[in-house]
Protein backbone atom coordinates (compact mmCIF):
# COMPACT_ATOMS: atom_id res chain seq x y z
CA UNK A 1 14.92 12.49 -13.91
CA UNK A 2 16.12 12.36 -10.33
CA UNK A 3 15.13 10.25 -7.38
CA UNK A 4 15.59 10.61 -3.60
CA UNK A 5 14.60 8.50 -0.61
CA UNK A 6 13.74 10.32 2.65
CA UNK A 7 13.48 8.91 6.13
CA UNK A 8 11.48 11.27 8.30
CA UNK A 9 11.66 10.89 12.13
CA UNK A 10 9.40 12.48 14.70
CA UNK A 11 5.70 12.59 15.33
CA UNK A 12 4.90 11.62 11.76
CA UNK A 13 2.58 8.64 12.05
CA UNK A 14 -1.17 9.18 12.75
CA UNK A 15 -1.00 12.90 11.77
CA UNK A 16 -1.87 12.67 8.05
CA UNK A 17 1.80 12.90 7.15
CA UNK A 18 1.65 10.28 4.33
CA UNK A 19 -1.53 11.68 2.83
CA UNK A 20 -0.21 15.20 2.99
CA UNK A 21 3.09 14.20 1.42
CA UNK A 22 1.11 12.52 -1.45
CA UNK A 23 -0.82 15.72 -2.00
CA UNK A 24 2.41 17.74 -2.11
CA UNK A 25 4.07 15.26 -4.44
CA UNK A 26 1.16 15.14 -6.83
CA UNK A 27 0.97 18.97 -6.96
CA UNK A 28 4.69 18.91 -7.88
CA UNK A 29 4.21 16.17 -10.50
CA UNK A 30 6.32 13.62 -8.68
CA UNK A 31 5.94 9.82 -8.64
CA UNK A 32 6.84 7.53 -5.74
CA UNK A 33 5.36 6.62 -2.32
CA UNK A 34 5.10 7.39 1.34
CA UNK A 35 4.88 4.58 3.85
CA UNK A 36 5.00 4.03 7.55
CA UNK A 37 7.94 2.06 8.98
CA UNK A 38 7.71 -0.20 11.96
CA UNK A 39 10.15 2.03 13.90
CA UNK A 40 7.83 5.02 13.75
CA UNK A 41 9.49 6.81 10.85
CA UNK A 42 7.93 7.57 7.40
CA UNK A 43 9.80 6.65 4.26
CA UNK A 44 9.21 8.85 1.22
CA UNK A 45 10.50 7.97 -2.24
CA UNK A 46 10.24 10.76 -4.84
CA UNK A 47 11.01 10.49 -8.51
CA UNK A 48 10.88 13.42 -10.97
CA UNK A 49 12.48 16.78 -11.58
CA UNK A 50 15.35 17.53 -9.27
CA UNK A 51 14.09 21.01 -8.35
CA UNK A 52 10.62 19.65 -7.53
CA UNK A 53 12.15 16.94 -5.35
CA UNK A 54 14.00 19.71 -3.50
CA UNK A 55 10.72 21.52 -3.02
CA UNK A 56 9.23 18.35 -1.52
CA UNK A 57 12.30 17.97 0.67
CA UNK A 58 11.74 21.47 2.10
CA UNK A 59 8.07 20.50 2.89
CA UNK A 60 9.12 17.29 4.49
CA UNK A 61 11.17 19.18 7.06
CA UNK A 62 7.93 20.48 8.56
CA UNK A 63 5.13 18.25 7.23
CA UNK A 64 1.45 18.89 7.92
CA UNK A 65 0.28 21.02 10.88
CA UNK A 66 -0.08 18.20 13.40
CA UNK A 67 3.39 16.68 12.63
CA UNK A 68 6.61 17.30 14.52
CA UNK A 69 9.66 16.51 12.38
CA UNK A 70 12.83 15.86 14.44
CA UNK A 71 15.16 14.67 11.73
CA UNK A 72 15.24 13.86 8.03
CA UNK A 73 17.71 11.67 6.17
CA UNK A 74 18.06 12.02 2.41
CA UNK A 75 19.64 9.59 -0.01
CA UNK A 76 19.83 10.47 -3.68
CA UNK A 77 19.38 7.26 -5.60
CA UNK A 78 19.26 5.85 -9.11
CA UNK A 79 15.82 6.19 -10.58
CA UNK A 80 13.75 3.13 -9.61
CA UNK A 81 10.98 1.70 -11.85
CA UNK A 82 7.97 3.45 -10.41
CA UNK A 83 4.72 3.18 -12.36
CA UNK A 84 1.77 5.46 -11.83
CA UNK A 85 1.55 8.48 -9.61
CA UNK A 86 2.45 8.97 -5.94
CA UNK A 87 1.08 6.27 -3.65
CA UNK A 88 0.51 5.85 0.05
CA UNK A 89 1.13 2.43 1.55
């Protein structure tokens, strides 16, 4: 298993970014979460197969149609204890 944390900057709040990221992650069989940060970014934590995390990373670079992604930061991390499927908070 692999895990990665993404910080997505741009027009990513109020454009269904988190819900769309959840849909993508569930389709890929990933666990984790997507949440809004107070500074306007969205944090995405993905846990699962490394190739599937990379597929999600590619999607995050664009997001859903109404989003405008300006930058994305990725940190590969040790696998956290995440129970259940992919959540939006």
